Amino acid sequence: QVQLVESGGGLMQPGGSLRLSCATSGMSASFSNYIMRWFRQAPGRERELVASIITTADTTDYADDVKGRFIITRDRARKTSALQMTSLKVEDTGTYYCNAVHSTIRGLDFWGQGTQVTVSS
């Protein structure tokens, strides 16, 4: 059974930094073949893609409003992903979800339970 567990959320003042982590377990396919993504859902809004890191090339992509502030990484040995968030803004507030989707095998799409990030003064 595949599990994704996020950690690292919390309350931070504007301008501060947080590092979110996503620990994975139970993947039958190679971790390197999964696209790792972080989504954010603010109250009353739809879940939106914040950042992704793609397979063996580790190509990254970001939503426009986090470019230059957030960095997504993956650690193949530990089978984890992280989202380093800097220069946090109030509008970054929301529940952050880790997602792992296989790059070629349909149906291998897994989610964590989410971790809350609140940016407030």
C-alpha atoms as a PDB file:
ATOM      1  CA  GLN A   1       0.000   0.000   0.000  1.00  0.00           C
ATOM      2  CA  VAL A   2       1.477   3.295  -1.105  1.00  0.00           C
ATOM      3  CA  GLN A   3       1.551   6.030   1.490  1.00  0.00           C
ATOM      4  CA  LEU A   4       2.597   9.647   1.293  1.00  0.00           C
ATOM      5  CA  VAL A   5       3.040  11.563   4.523  1.00  0.00           C
ATOM      6  CA  GLU A   6       3.624  15.312   4.573  1.00  0.00           C
ATOM      7  CA  SER A   7       5.228  17.200   7.410  1.00  0.00           C
ATOM      8  CA  GLY A   8       6.702  20.605   8.140  1.00  0.00           C
ATOM      9  CA  GLY A   9       3.672  22.844   7.987  1.00  0.00           C
ATOM     10  CA  GLY A  10       2.908  25.473  10.574  1.00  0.00           C
ATOM     11  CA  LEU A  11       2.397  29.136  11.300  1.00  0.00           C
ATOM     12  CA  MET A  12       4.872  31.621   9.869  1.00  0.00           C
ATOM     13  CA  GLN A  13       5.064  35.365   9.531  1.00  0.00           C
ATOM     14  CA  PRO A  14       5.174  36.976   6.102  1.00  0.00           C
ATOM     15  CA  GLY A  15       8.692  36.903   4.723  1.00  0.00           C
ATOM     16  CA  GLY A  16       9.573  33.756   6.608  1.00  0.00           C
ATOM     17  CA  SER A  17      10.487  30.301   5.372  1.00  0.00           C
ATOM     18  CA  LEU A  18       9.166  26.779   5.783  1.00  0.00           C
ATOM     19  CA  ARG A  19      10.302  23.432   4.463  1.00  0.00           C
ATOM     20  CA  LEU A  20       7.706  20.795   3.722  1.00  0.00           C
ATOM     21  CA  SER A  21       8.649  17.150   3.428  1.00  0.00           C
ATOM     22  CA  CYS A  22       6.873  14.215   1.824  1.00  0.00           C
ATOM     23  CA  ALA A  23       7.869  10.711   2.850  1.00  0.00           C
ATOM     24  CA  THR A  24       6.771   7.877   0.584  1.00  0.00           C
ATOM     25  CA  SER A  25       6.487   4.174   1.197  1.00  0.00           C
ATOM     26  CA  GLY A  26       5.083   1.087  -0.456  1.00  0.00           C
ATOM     27  CA  MET A  27       5.799   2.044  -4.075  1.00  0.00           C
ATOM     28  CA  SER A  28       6.054  -1.056  -6.253  1.00  0.00           C
ATOM     29  CA  ALA A  29       7.476   0.881  -9.171  1.00  0.00           C
ATOM     30  CA  SER A  30      10.721   2.806  -9.026  1.00  0.00           C
ATOM     31  CA  PHE A  31      10.472   6.099  -7.187  1.00  0.00           C
ATOM     32  CA  SER A  32      12.442   7.727  -9.999  1.00  0.00           C
ATOM     33  CA  ASN A  33       9.603   7.029 -12.425  1.00  0.00           C
ATOM     34  CA  TYR A  34       7.139   9.074 -10.402  1.00  0.00           C
ATOM     35  CA  ILE A  35       6.451  12.719 -11.002  1.00  0.00           C
ATOM     36  CA  MET A  36       6.391  14.361  -7.596  1.00  0.00           C
ATOM     37  CA  ARG A  37       4.108  17.339  -7.209  1.00  0.00           C
ATOM     38  CA  TRP A  38       2.971  19.730  -4.506  1.00  0.00           C
ATOM     39  CA  PHE A  39      -0.499  21.209  -4.562  1.00  0.00           C
ATOM     40  CA  ARG A  40      -2.050  23.908  -2.423  1.00  0.00           C
ATOM     41  CA  GLN A  41      -5.673  24.421  -1.465  1.00  0.00           C
ATOM     42  CA  ALA A  42      -6.727  27.663   0.170  1.00  0.00           C
ATOM     43  CA  PRO A  43     -10.060  27.922   1.998  1.00  0.00           C
ATOM     44  CA  GLY A  44     -12.913  28.200  -0.483  1.00  0.00           C
ATOM     45  CA  ARG A  45     -10.657  27.658  -3.474  1.00  0.00           C
ATOM     46  CA  GLU A  46      -9.800  24.754  -5.728  1.00  0.00           C
ATOM     47  CA  ARG A  47      -6.650  22.754  -5.273  1.00  0.00           C
ATOM     48  CA  GLU A  48      -3.889  24.186  -7.445  1.00  0.00           C
ATOM     49  CA  LEU A  49      -0.538  22.867  -8.614  1.00  0.00           C
ATOM     50  CA  VAL A  50       2.357  24.687  -6.999  1.00  0.00           C
ATOM     51  CA  ALA A  51       5.439  22.751  -8.098  1.00  0.00           C
ATOM     52  CA  SER A  52       6.482  19.560  -9.811  1.00  0.00           C
ATOM     53  CA  ILE A  53       9.673  17.596 -10.403  1.00  0.00           C
ATOM     54  CA  ILE A  54       9.784  15.191 -13.287  1.00  0.00           C
ATOM     55  CA  THR A  55      11.424  11.759 -13.378  1.00  0.00           C
ATOM     56  CA  THR A  56      15.068  11.081 -13.996  1.00  0.00           C
ATOM     57  CA  ALA A  57      15.941  14.490 -15.408  1.00  0.00           C
ATOM     58  CA  ASP A  58      14.611  16.212 -12.300  1.00  0.00           C
ATOM     59  CA  THR A  59      13.130  18.941 -14.424  1.00  0.00           C
ATOM     60  CA  THR A  60      11.148  21.330 -12.260  1.00  0.00           C
ATOM     61  CA  ASP A  61       8.157  23.534 -12.916  1.00  0.00           C
ATOM     62  CA  TYR A  62       6.415  26.104 -10.771  1.00  0.00           C
ATOM     63  CA  ALA A  63       3.257  28.139 -10.614  1.00  0.00           C
ATOM     64  CA  ASP A  64       3.957  31.724 -11.590  1.00  0.00           C
ATOM     65  CA  ASP A  65       3.242  33.114  -8.135  1.00  0.00           C
ATOM     66  CA  VAL A  66       5.859  30.938  -6.422  1.00  0.00           C
ATOM     67  CA  LYS A  67       8.664  31.118  -8.981  1.00  0.00           C
ATOM     68  CA  GLY A  68      11.846  32.350  -7.367  1.00  0.00           C
ATOM     69  CA  ARG A  69      10.470  31.667  -3.883  1.00  0.00           C
ATOM     70  CA  PHE A  70       9.784  27.916  -3.764  1.00  0.00           C
ATOM     71  CA  ILE A  71      12.092  25.044  -4.663  1.00  0.00           C
ATOM     72  CA  ILE A  72      11.001  21.441  -5.112  1.00  0.00           C
ATOM     73  CA  THR A  73      13.473  18.618  -4.697  1.00  0.00           C
ATOM     74  CA  ARG A  74      13.524  14.870  -4.456  1.00  0.00           C
ATOM     75  CA  ASP A  75      15.829  12.428  -2.693  1.00  0.00           C
ATOM     76  CA  ARG A  76      15.860   9.105  -4.513  1.00  0.00           C
ATOM     77  CA  ALA A  77      17.729   7.259  -1.810  1.00  0.00           C
ATOM     78  CA  ARG A  78      15.205   8.251   0.849  1.00  0.00           C
ATOM     79  CA  LYS A  79      12.232   8.297  -1.547  1.00  0.00           C
ATOM     80  CA  THR A  80      11.176  11.689  -0.341  1.00  0.00           C
ATOM     81  CA  SER A  81      10.272  15.037  -1.819  1.00  0.00           C
ATOM     82  CA  ALA A  82      10.596  18.460  -0.264  1.00  0.00           C
ATOM     83  CA  LEU A  83       9.244  21.922  -0.916  1.00  0.00           C
ATOM     84  CA  GLN A  84      11.414  24.741   0.364  1.00  0.00           C
ATOM     85  CA  MET A  85       9.320  27.877   0.697  1.00  0.00           C
ATOM     86  CA  THR A  86      10.886  31.286   1.221  1.00  0.00           C
ATOM     87  CA  SER A  87       9.631  34.870   1.255  1.00  0.00           C
ATOM     88  CA  LEU A  88       6.257  33.550   2.320  1.00  0.00           C
ATOM     89  CA  LYS A  89       3.193  35.649   1.651  1.00  0.00           C
ATOM     90  CA  VAL A  90      -0.231  35.659   3.288  1.00  0.00           C
ATOM     91  CA  GLU A  91      -1.649  34.269   0.049  1.00  0.00           C
ATOM     92  CA  ASP A  92       0.538  31.168   0.416  1.00  0.00           C
ATOM     93  CA  THR A  93      -1.762  30.069   3.224  1.00  0.00           C
ATOM     94  CA  GLY A  94      -3.475  26.756   2.633  1.00  0.00           C
ATOM     95  CA  THR A  95      -3.272  23.032   2.949  1.00  0.00           C
ATOM     96  CA  TYR A  96      -0.330  21.616   1.016  1.00  0.00           C
ATOM     97  CA  TYR A  97      -0.605  18.175  -0.499  1.00  0.00           C
ATOM     98  CA  CYS A  98       2.101  15.913  -1.835  1.00  0.00           C
ATOM     99  CA  ASN A  99       1.236  13.900  -4.947  1.00  0.00           C
ATOM    100  CA  ALA A 100       3.072  11.101  -6.714  1.00  0.00           C
ATOM    101  CA  VAL A 101       1.937  10.121 -10.199  1.00  0.00           C
ATOM    102  CA  HIS A 102       3.710   7.534 -12.332  1.00  0.00           C
ATOM    103  CA  SER A 103       5.067   8.930 -15.549  1.00  0.00           C
ATOM    104  CA  THR A 104       3.859   6.058 -17.756  1.00  0.00           C
ATOM    105  CA  ILE A 105       1.631   3.618 -15.822  1.00  0.00           C
ATOM    106  CA  ARG A 106      -1.946   4.843 -15.576  1.00  0.00           C
ATOM    107  CA  GLY A 107      -3.667   4.531 -12.252  1.00  0.00           C
ATOM    108  CA  LEU A 108      -0.576   4.980 -10.102  1.00  0.00           C
ATOM    109  CA  ASP A 109      -1.557   8.320  -8.612  1.00  0.00           C
ATOM    110  CA  PHE A 110      -1.224   8.845  -4.871  1.00  0.00           C
ATOM    111  CA  TRP A 111      -1.886  11.660  -2.416  1.00  0.00           C
ATOM    112  CA  GLY A 112      -0.858  12.556   1.078  1.00  0.00           C
ATOM    113  CA  GLN A 113      -3.245  13.779   3.733  1.00  0.00           C
ATOM    114  CA  GLY A 114      -1.991  17.353   3.589  1.00  0.00           C
ATOM    115  CA  THR A 115      -0.186  19.712   5.921  1.00  0.00           C
ATOM    116  CA  GLN A 116      -1.434  23.148   6.920  1.00  0.00           C
ATOM    117  CA  VAL A 117       0.599  26.255   6.192  1.00  0.00           C
ATOM    118  CA  THR A 118      -0.594  29.534   7.662  1.00  0.00           C
ATOM    119  CA  VAL A 119       1.182  32.777   6.859  1.00  0.00           C
ATOM    120  CA  SER A 120       0.040  35.582   9.099  1.00  0.00           C
ATOM    121  CA  SER A 121       1.425  38.459  11.086  1.00  0.00           C
END
